[in-house]
Amino acid sequence: MSMARQAPAAIRVNGEVRALTAGGLSDLLRDLEIDPDARGLALALNGAVVRRADWDRVALKDGDSLEIVKLFAGG
């Protein structure tokens, strides 16, 4: 009897594949050293914008795709 080795859970963040180590969006931002309370930050999970009020409640799962957008002023 052979046991198939399962690949570790992974997500795509801004186009880069990363191991899934965080449970939710806010946790992932902290892992990436991004302050979840910072202004000018937007998240889209699997193509849908996630309201900031939901960041603590949204769980990540294997295969998810997350886009993190940081806005900044410039001239």
N, C-alpha and C. Protein backbone atom coordinates (compact mmCIF):
# COMPACT_ATOMS: atom_id res chain seq x y z
N MET A 1 0.85 -1.18 0.00
CA MET A 1 0.00 0.00 0.00
C MET A 1 0.89 1.24 0.00
N SER A 2 0.75 2.10 -0.99
CA SER A 2 1.56 3.31 -1.03
C SER A 2 0.73 4.50 -0.60
N MET A 3 1.40 5.40 0.07
CA MET A 3 0.72 6.60 0.54
C MET A 3 1.15 7.76 -0.34
N ALA A 4 0.18 8.41 -0.97
CA ALA A 4 0.49 9.56 -1.80
C ALA A 4 0.81 10.75 -0.91
N ARG A 5 1.84 11.46 -1.27
CA ARG A 5 2.23 12.64 -0.51
C ARG A 5 1.40 13.82 -1.00
N GLN A 6 0.73 14.49 -0.08
CA GLN A 6 -0.07 15.65 -0.45
C GLN A 6 0.82 16.89 -0.48
N ALA A 7 0.59 17.71 -1.49
CA ALA A 7 1.31 18.98 -1.57
C ALA A 7 0.79 19.90 -0.47
N PRO A 8 1.67 20.74 0.08
CA PRO A 8 1.20 21.67 1.11
C PRO A 8 0.19 22.65 0.52
N ALA A 9 -0.71 23.10 1.35
CA ALA A 9 -1.71 24.07 0.90
C ALA A 9 -1.00 25.34 0.44
N ALA A 10 -1.50 25.92 -0.64
CA ALA A 10 -0.87 27.11 -1.20
C ALA A 10 -1.92 28.08 -1.71
N ILE A 11 -1.57 29.35 -1.69
CA ILE A 11 -2.41 30.39 -2.27
C ILE A 11 -1.52 31.23 -3.18
N ARG A 12 -2.16 32.04 -3.99
CA ARG A 12 -1.44 32.96 -4.87
C ARG A 12 -1.68 34.37 -4.33
N VAL A 13 -0.60 35.09 -4.05
CA VAL A 13 -0.68 36.47 -3.54
C VAL A 13 0.00 37.38 -4.56
N ASN A 14 -0.77 38.26 -5.16
CA ASN A 14 -0.26 39.16 -6.20
C ASN A 14 0.55 38.39 -7.24
N GLY A 15 0.03 37.24 -7.62
CA GLY A 15 0.64 36.46 -8.69
C GLY A 15 1.72 35.48 -8.25
N GLU A 16 2.15 35.53 -6.99
CA GLU A 16 3.19 34.63 -6.49
C GLU A 16 2.58 33.54 -5.63
N VAL A 17 2.99 32.31 -5.86
CA VAL A 17 2.50 31.19 -5.06
C VAL A 17 3.21 31.20 -3.71
N ARG A 18 2.42 31.07 -2.65
CA ARG A 18 2.96 31.06 -1.28
C ARG A 18 2.32 29.91 -0.52
N ALA A 19 3.08 29.35 0.39
CA ALA A 19 2.51 28.34 1.28
C ALA A 19 1.44 29.00 2.13
N LEU A 20 0.37 28.30 2.35
CA LEU A 20 -0.72 28.82 3.17
C LEU A 20 -0.40 28.55 4.63
N THR A 21 0.04 29.59 5.33
CA THR A 21 0.39 29.45 6.74
C THR A 21 -0.55 30.23 7.64
N ALA A 22 -1.28 31.17 7.07
CA ALA A 22 -2.18 32.01 7.86
C ALA A 22 -3.61 31.47 7.74
N GLY A 23 -4.40 31.74 8.77
CA GLY A 23 -5.78 31.29 8.76
C GLY A 23 -6.72 32.23 8.04
N GLY A 24 -6.45 33.52 8.14
CA GLY A 24 -7.36 34.49 7.56
C GLY A 24 -6.61 35.65 6.92
N LEU A 25 -7.37 36.56 6.35
CA LEU A 25 -6.78 37.68 5.63
C LEU A 25 -5.93 38.57 6.52
N SER A 26 -6.43 38.95 7.68
CA SER A 26 -5.66 39.82 8.58
C SER A 26 -4.37 39.13 9.03
N ASP A 27 -4.45 37.83 9.30
CA ASP A 27 -3.26 37.08 9.70
C ASP A 27 -2.23 37.08 8.57
N LEU A 28 -2.69 36.88 7.35
CA LEU A 28 -1.77 36.86 6.22
C LEU A 28 -1.09 38.22 6.05
N LEU A 29 -1.85 39.30 6.18
CA LEU A 29 -1.26 40.62 6.05
C LEU A 29 -0.16 40.81 7.08
N ARG A 30 -0.41 40.39 8.32
CA ARG A 30 0.62 40.51 9.35
C ARG A 30 1.84 39.66 9.00
N ASP A 31 1.62 38.46 8.48
CA ASP A 31 2.74 37.60 8.06
C ASP A 31 3.57 38.28 6.97
N LEU A 32 2.91 39.08 6.13
CA LEU A 32 3.60 39.79 5.06
C LEU A 32 4.14 41.14 5.53
N GLU A 33 4.03 41.40 6.84
CA GLU A 33 4.47 42.65 7.45
C GLU A 33 3.74 43.87 6.88
N ILE A 34 2.43 43.67 6.65
CA ILE A 34 1.54 44.74 6.22
C ILE A 34 0.56 44.99 7.35
N ASP A 35 0.45 46.22 7.79
CA ASP A 35 -0.48 46.56 8.87
C ASP A 35 -1.91 46.52 8.33
N PRO A 36 -2.75 45.60 8.85
CA PRO A 36 -4.13 45.52 8.35
C PRO A 36 -4.95 46.78 8.63
N ASP A 37 -4.48 47.62 9.55
CA ASP A 37 -5.20 48.86 9.86
C ASP A 37 -4.72 50.04 9.03
N ALA A 38 -3.74 49.82 8.17
CA ALA A 38 -3.19 50.90 7.35
C ALA A 38 -4.25 51.42 6.38
N ARG A 39 -4.21 52.72 6.16
CA ARG A 39 -5.13 53.33 5.19
C ARG A 39 -4.62 53.05 3.78
N GLY A 40 -5.53 53.10 2.82
CA GLY A 40 -5.15 52.95 1.42
C GLY A 40 -4.82 51.52 1.02
N LEU A 41 -5.46 50.56 1.68
CA LEU A 41 -5.21 49.15 1.41
C LEU A 41 -6.51 48.50 0.95
N ALA A 42 -6.44 47.74 -0.12
CA ALA A 42 -7.62 47.03 -0.64
C ALA A 42 -7.24 45.59 -0.95
N LEU A 43 -8.19 44.67 -0.73
CA LEU A 43 -7.96 43.25 -0.98
C LEU A 43 -9.05 42.70 -1.89
N ALA A 44 -8.62 41.86 -2.83
CA ALA A 44 -9.57 41.13 -3.68
C ALA A 44 -9.23 39.65 -3.58
N LEU A 45 -10.18 38.86 -3.15
CA LEU A 45 -10.00 37.42 -2.99
C LEU A 45 -10.77 36.71 -4.09
N ASN A 46 -10.07 35.96 -4.91
CA ASN A 46 -10.68 35.23 -6.03
C ASN A 46 -11.51 36.16 -6.91
N GLY A 47 -10.99 37.37 -7.12
CA GLY A 47 -11.62 38.32 -8.02
C GLY A 47 -12.70 39.20 -7.41
N ALA A 48 -13.01 39.01 -6.14
CA ALA A 48 -14.05 39.82 -5.49
C ALA A 48 -13.43 40.66 -4.38
N VAL A 49 -13.76 41.95 -4.38
CA VAL A 49 -13.26 42.85 -3.34
C VAL A 49 -13.83 42.41 -2.00
N VAL A 50 -12.97 42.40 -0.99
CA VAL A 50 -13.39 42.02 0.37
C VAL A 50 -13.44 43.29 1.21
N ARG A 51 -14.61 43.54 1.81
CA ARG A 51 -14.75 44.71 2.67
C ARG A 51 -13.81 44.60 3.86
N ARG A 52 -13.21 45.71 4.23
CA ARG A 52 -12.29 45.74 5.37
C ARG A 52 -12.94 45.17 6.63
N ALA A 53 -14.20 45.42 6.82
CA ALA A 53 -14.91 44.92 8.01
C ALA A 53 -14.93 43.39 8.06
N ASP A 54 -14.70 42.73 6.91
CA ASP A 54 -14.73 41.27 6.85
C ASP A 54 -13.35 40.62 6.90
N TRP A 55 -12.28 41.38 6.90
CA TRP A 55 -10.94 40.82 6.83
C TRP A 55 -10.64 39.84 7.96
N ASP A 56 -11.16 40.11 9.15
CA ASP A 56 -10.90 39.21 10.29
C ASP A 56 -11.72 37.93 10.20
N ARG A 57 -12.79 37.95 9.42
CA ARG A 57 -13.70 36.80 9.34
C ARG A 57 -13.47 35.89 8.14
N VAL A 58 -12.78 36.39 7.13
CA VAL A 58 -12.60 35.62 5.90
C VAL A 58 -11.42 34.66 6.06
N ALA A 59 -11.70 33.37 5.93
CA ALA A 59 -10.66 32.34 6.03
C ALA A 59 -10.09 32.05 4.64
N LEU A 60 -8.80 31.79 4.59
CA LEU A 60 -8.15 31.42 3.34
C LEU A 60 -8.15 29.92 3.19
N LYS A 61 -8.20 29.46 1.92
CA LYS A 61 -8.16 28.02 1.68
C LYS A 61 -7.24 27.73 0.50
N ASP A 62 -6.82 26.50 0.41
CA ASP A 62 -5.91 26.06 -0.65
C ASP A 62 -6.45 26.47 -2.01
N GLY A 63 -5.59 27.08 -2.83
CA GLY A 63 -5.97 27.47 -4.18
C GLY A 63 -6.52 28.88 -4.31
N ASP A 64 -6.73 29.58 -3.19
CA ASP A 64 -7.23 30.95 -3.27
C ASP A 64 -6.23 31.85 -3.98
N SER A 65 -6.76 32.92 -4.57
CA SER A 65 -5.93 33.94 -5.22
C SER A 65 -6.27 35.29 -4.59
N LEU A 66 -5.26 35.95 -4.07
CA LEU A 66 -5.46 37.23 -3.38
C LEU A 66 -4.64 38.31 -4.07
N GLU A 67 -5.28 39.43 -4.30
CA GLU A 67 -4.58 40.62 -4.81
C GLU A 67 -4.60 41.66 -3.70
N ILE A 68 -3.43 42.18 -3.37
CA ILE A 68 -3.30 43.23 -2.37
C ILE A 68 -2.89 44.50 -3.09
N VAL A 69 -3.68 45.55 -2.90
CA VAL A 69 -3.42 46.82 -3.56
C VAL A 69 -3.17 47.87 -2.48
N LYS A 70 -2.02 48.54 -2.58
CA LYS A 70 -1.69 49.62 -1.66
C LYS A 70 -1.72 50.93 -2.45
N LEU A 71 -2.55 51.84 -2.01
CA LEU A 71 -2.64 53.14 -2.66
C LEU A 71 -1.65 54.10 -2.00
N PHE A 72 -1.10 54.98 -2.80
CA PHE A 72 -0.22 55.99 -2.24
C PHE A 72 -0.31 57.24 -3.09
N ALA A 73 -0.07 58.37 -2.45
CA ALA A 73 -0.13 59.65 -3.13
C ALA A 73 1.25 59.96 -3.69
N GLY A 74 1.25 60.61 -4.79
CA GLY A 74 2.53 60.97 -5.40
C GLY A 74 2.33 62.10 -6.40
N GLY A 75 3.40 62.58 -6.88
CA GLY A 75 3.27 63.71 -7.78
C GLY A 75 3.95 63.56 -9.05
